[in-house]
Amino acid sequence: MNRQHALQGLYAITDSSLCPDNSLVDQVAQALHGGCRIIQYRDKRLDKAEKLSLAKQLMDLCKHHQALLIINDDVNLAQSVGANGVHLGREDADLSHARIQLGEAAIIGISCYNRLDLAHNAAQAGADYVAFGRFFPSLTKPHAIQATPELLRQAKTTLNLPLVAIGGITPENGAPLIEAGADMLAVVHGIFGQPDIRAACQKLTTLFEPKEN
């Protein structure tokens, strides 16, 4: 699977408050069975040994399901477990340093919030995808910067990169973001905060199915 084709569809992001250690791997497995093909391991705790162990398990699981594992923030952890890539925000490692450490084959995504200029800078620096949001009220980041579908439309016409939309996305509100140009929908609470993770992913993945005329 080429990189451009792989960076499409439902993008599940873990949250340690929703995915405790003893259930994280099982919850991610449910998401993968529900059709998710991109997993971002996001864990803001400081215990490196725990994170390493869990990331290794997630890497094995993603390989089994032919899915991508992206590590949030932590370039060293991504390198240690052989993850497919890393996602970087405003306060994280420099993209060029991450590229040197992880190599040309690594997928590096960049958070661009509601700023097209950041996305253009990321593209010029060699990012593999850019993420915008939040688009809707978010339980994970309630104070995150607001973005609009118009931003996706502008980005689609000026960037030759896959686009991620994030923030409060559900099966009910995700379709307009795809229509505006989102190649991936990144979801946290809408997956891991739901009673049936597999069913939640199945509903979200249907948004990417071709529409009948």
Protein backbone atom coordinates (compact mmCIF):
# COMPACT_ATOMS: atom_id res chain seq x y z
CA MET A 1 0.00 0.00 0.00
CA ASN A 2 1.48 3.34 -1.00
CA ARG A 3 1.70 6.11 1.55
CA GLN A 4 -0.84 8.39 -0.12
CA HIS A 5 -3.44 5.63 -0.28
CA ALA A 6 -2.74 4.57 3.31
CA LEU A 7 -3.43 8.06 4.64
CA GLN A 8 -7.17 7.88 4.13
CA GLY A 9 -10.13 6.99 6.27
CA LEU A 10 -10.76 6.78 9.98
CA TYR A 11 -7.87 7.84 12.25
CA ALA A 12 -8.36 6.74 15.87
CA ILE A 13 -6.46 8.55 18.63
CA THR A 14 -6.10 6.92 22.04
CA ASP A 15 -6.54 8.82 25.28
CA SER A 16 -5.22 7.45 28.58
CA SER A 17 -8.31 8.75 30.40
CA LEU A 18 -10.55 6.68 28.10
CA CYS A 19 -8.15 3.78 27.47
CA PRO A 20 -6.64 2.58 30.76
CA ASP A 21 -3.54 0.40 30.45
CA ASN A 22 -5.42 -2.80 31.17
CA SER A 23 -7.88 -2.22 28.32
CA LEU A 24 -5.90 -0.16 25.78
CA VAL A 25 -4.81 -3.00 23.51
CA ASP A 26 -8.27 -4.58 23.55
CA GLN A 27 -9.93 -1.24 22.77
CA VAL A 28 -7.59 -0.60 19.85
CA ALA A 29 -8.26 -4.12 18.59
CA GLN A 30 -11.98 -3.34 18.60
CA ALA A 31 -11.32 -0.15 16.62
CA LEU A 32 -9.30 -2.10 14.05
CA HIS A 33 -12.04 -4.72 13.75
CA GLY A 34 -14.45 -1.84 13.16
CA GLY A 35 -12.54 -0.73 10.09
CA CYS A 36 -10.03 1.79 11.45
CA ARG A 37 -6.68 1.58 9.67
CA ILE A 38 -4.73 4.37 11.36
CA ILE A 39 -4.05 4.41 15.11
CA GLN A 40 -2.34 7.22 16.98
CA TYR A 41 -0.97 6.27 20.38
CA ARG A 42 -1.35 9.37 22.53
CA ASP A 43 -0.42 9.09 26.20
CA LYS A 44 0.69 12.12 28.20
CA ARG A 45 1.90 10.19 31.23
CA LEU A 46 5.57 10.13 32.14
CA ASP A 47 6.20 6.41 32.73
CA LYS A 48 8.47 5.56 29.79
CA ALA A 49 8.65 1.83 30.53
CA GLU A 50 4.86 1.48 30.49
CA LYS A 51 4.54 3.49 27.32
CA LEU A 52 7.22 1.43 25.61
CA SER A 53 5.51 -1.84 26.54
CA LEU A 54 2.11 -0.66 25.34
CA ALA A 55 3.49 0.85 22.15
CA LYS A 56 5.19 -2.47 21.31
CA GLN A 57 1.90 -4.31 21.78
CA LEU A 58 0.07 -1.79 19.63
CA MET A 59 2.71 -2.08 16.92
CA ASP A 60 2.27 -5.87 16.81
CA LEU A 61 -1.50 -5.45 16.69
CA CYS A 62 -1.37 -2.89 13.89
CA LYS A 63 0.98 -5.07 11.85
CA HIS A 64 -1.44 -7.97 12.21
CA HIS A 65 -4.29 -5.82 10.91
CA GLN A 66 -2.14 -4.11 8.24
CA ALA A 67 -2.82 -0.78 9.93
CA LEU A 68 -0.58 2.20 10.61
CA LEU A 69 0.68 3.12 14.08
CA ILE A 70 1.51 6.77 14.61
CA ILE A 71 3.05 7.93 17.91
CA ASN A 72 2.00 11.28 19.33
CA ASP A 73 4.84 13.65 20.22
CA ASP A 74 7.50 11.09 21.12
CA VAL A 75 10.04 10.60 18.32
CA ASN A 76 12.25 8.37 20.46
CA LEU A 77 9.33 6.06 21.27
CA ALA A 78 8.34 5.89 17.61
CA GLN A 79 11.88 4.89 16.70
CA SER A 80 12.13 2.35 19.52
CA VAL A 81 9.06 0.36 18.48
CA GLY A 82 9.43 0.79 14.73
CA ALA A 83 6.19 2.74 14.45
CA ASN A 84 5.05 3.94 11.04
CA GLY A 85 5.48 7.54 12.09
CA VAL A 86 4.93 10.36 14.51
CA HIS A 87 2.50 13.24 14.93
CA LEU A 88 3.90 16.58 16.07
CA GLY A 89 2.19 19.63 17.55
CA ARG A 90 3.29 23.17 18.22
CA GLU A 91 5.29 22.29 21.36
CA ASP A 92 6.82 19.08 20.05
CA ALA A 93 10.01 18.10 18.24
CA ASP A 94 11.12 19.88 15.09
CA LEU A 95 9.98 18.18 11.88
CA SER A 96 13.44 18.18 10.32
CA HIS A 97 14.97 16.56 13.40
CA ALA A 98 12.21 13.94 13.46
CA ARG A 99 12.84 13.19 9.78
CA ILE A 100 16.57 12.71 10.36
CA GLN A 101 15.91 10.41 13.31
CA LEU A 102 13.09 8.34 11.78
CA GLY A 103 14.15 8.32 8.14
CA GLU A 104 12.50 9.10 4.83
CA ALA A 105 10.01 6.23 5.05
CA ALA A 106 8.45 7.53 8.27
CA ILE A 107 5.07 9.26 8.19
CA ILE A 108 5.25 12.65 9.90
CA GLY A 109 2.04 14.56 10.54
CA ILE A 110 1.78 18.11 11.80
CA SER A 111 -0.98 19.90 13.74
CA CYS A 112 -1.87 23.16 12.02
CA TYR A 113 -4.93 24.14 14.12
CA ASN A 114 -6.79 26.77 12.04
CA ARG A 115 -3.79 28.16 10.14
CA LEU A 116 -3.18 27.54 6.48
CA ASP A 117 0.24 29.19 6.72
CA LEU A 118 1.40 26.54 9.19
CA ALA A 119 0.22 23.87 6.78
CA HIS A 120 2.19 25.39 3.91
CA ASN A 121 5.27 25.60 6.12
CA ALA A 122 4.82 21.97 7.13
CA ALA A 123 4.45 20.90 3.51
CA GLN A 124 7.63 22.72 2.53
CA ALA A 125 9.46 21.10 5.45
CA GLY A 126 8.46 17.63 4.25
CA ALA A 127 5.36 16.71 6.26
CA ASP A 128 3.35 13.72 5.02
CA TYR A 129 -0.01 15.07 6.20
CA VAL A 130 -1.40 18.07 8.05
CA ALA A 131 -4.20 18.20 10.62
CA PHE A 132 -6.72 20.97 11.21
CA GLY A 133 -9.20 21.43 14.04
CA ARG A 134 -11.14 21.44 16.20
CA PHE A 135 -14.21 21.58 13.96
CA PHE A 136 -16.88 20.84 16.58
CA PRO A 137 -17.07 21.09 20.38
CA SER A 138 -14.54 18.63 21.75
CA LEU A 139 -14.64 16.70 25.02
CA THR A 140 -10.94 15.88 24.65
CA LYS A 141 -9.78 19.47 24.08
CA PRO A 142 -12.70 21.79 24.92
CA HIS A 143 -10.60 24.94 24.53
CA ALA A 144 -8.95 23.99 21.24
CA ILE A 145 -8.89 26.53 18.42
CA GLN A 146 -11.93 26.58 16.14
CA ALA A 147 -11.51 25.65 12.48
CA THR A 148 -14.04 25.71 9.64
CA PRO A 149 -14.79 23.55 6.59
CA GLU A 150 -13.75 26.49 4.42
CA LEU A 151 -10.20 26.01 5.72
CA LEU A 152 -10.25 22.43 4.41
CA ARG A 153 -11.49 23.65 1.04
CA GLN A 154 -8.68 26.19 0.82
CA ALA A 155 -6.09 23.64 1.91
CA LYS A 156 -7.34 21.12 -0.66
CA THR A 157 -6.80 23.56 -3.49
CA THR A 158 -3.37 24.80 -2.38
CA LEU A 159 -1.71 21.74 -0.82
CA ASN A 160 -0.81 18.39 -2.30
CA LEU A 161 -0.97 16.59 1.04
CA PRO A 162 -3.54 14.41 2.80
CA LEU A 163 -5.66 16.43 5.23
CA VAL A 164 -6.88 15.39 8.68
CA ALA A 165 -9.90 16.92 10.40
CA ILE A 166 -10.20 16.57 14.17
CA GLY A 167 -12.42 17.76 16.98
CA GLY A 168 -15.82 16.52 18.12
CA ILE A 169 -16.38 14.41 15.01
CA THR A 170 -19.29 11.93 14.98
CA PRO A 171 -21.08 9.84 12.35
CA GLU A 172 -23.67 12.63 12.22
CA ASN A 173 -21.32 15.55 11.48
CA GLY A 174 -18.31 14.03 9.73
CA ALA A 175 -19.59 13.85 6.14
CA PRO A 176 -19.39 17.62 5.42
CA LEU A 177 -15.72 17.59 6.45
CA ILE A 178 -14.95 14.85 3.95
CA GLU A 179 -16.89 16.77 1.30
CA ALA A 180 -14.82 19.87 2.15
CA GLY A 181 -11.56 17.98 1.58
CA ALA A 182 -10.67 15.89 4.64
CA ASP A 183 -8.93 12.65 3.68
CA MET A 184 -8.97 11.41 7.27
CA LEU A 185 -11.24 11.99 10.25
CA ALA A 186 -9.37 11.86 13.55
CA VAL A 187 -11.59 10.78 16.42
CA VAL A 188 -10.95 10.28 20.13
CA HIS A 189 -14.07 10.32 22.31
CA GLY A 190 -16.33 9.39 19.39
CA ILE A 191 -14.52 6.04 19.36
CA PHE A 192 -12.96 5.28 22.72
CA GLY A 193 -15.66 7.03 24.75
CA GLN A 194 -18.40 4.89 23.22
CA PRO A 195 -19.90 1.74 24.77
CA ASP A 196 -19.34 -0.25 21.55
CA ILE A 197 -16.04 0.80 19.99
CA ARG A 198 -16.30 -1.55 17.03
CA ALA A 199 -19.79 -0.34 16.12
CA ALA A 200 -18.72 3.30 16.51
CA CYS A 201 -15.86 2.75 14.06
CA GLN A 202 -18.11 0.94 11.60
CA LYS A 203 -20.48 3.93 11.56
CA LEU A 204 -17.62 6.36 11.02
CA THR A 205 -15.96 4.32 8.28
CA THR A 206 -19.19 4.27 6.27
CA LEU A 207 -18.76 8.03 5.81
CA PHE A 208 -15.86 7.28 3.46
CA GLU A 209 -17.81 4.91 1.24
CA PRO A 210 -18.64 6.20 -2.24
CA LYS A 211 -22.05 7.81 -2.40
CA GLU A 212 -24.57 6.46 -4.89
CA ASN A 213 -25.84 8.97 -7.44
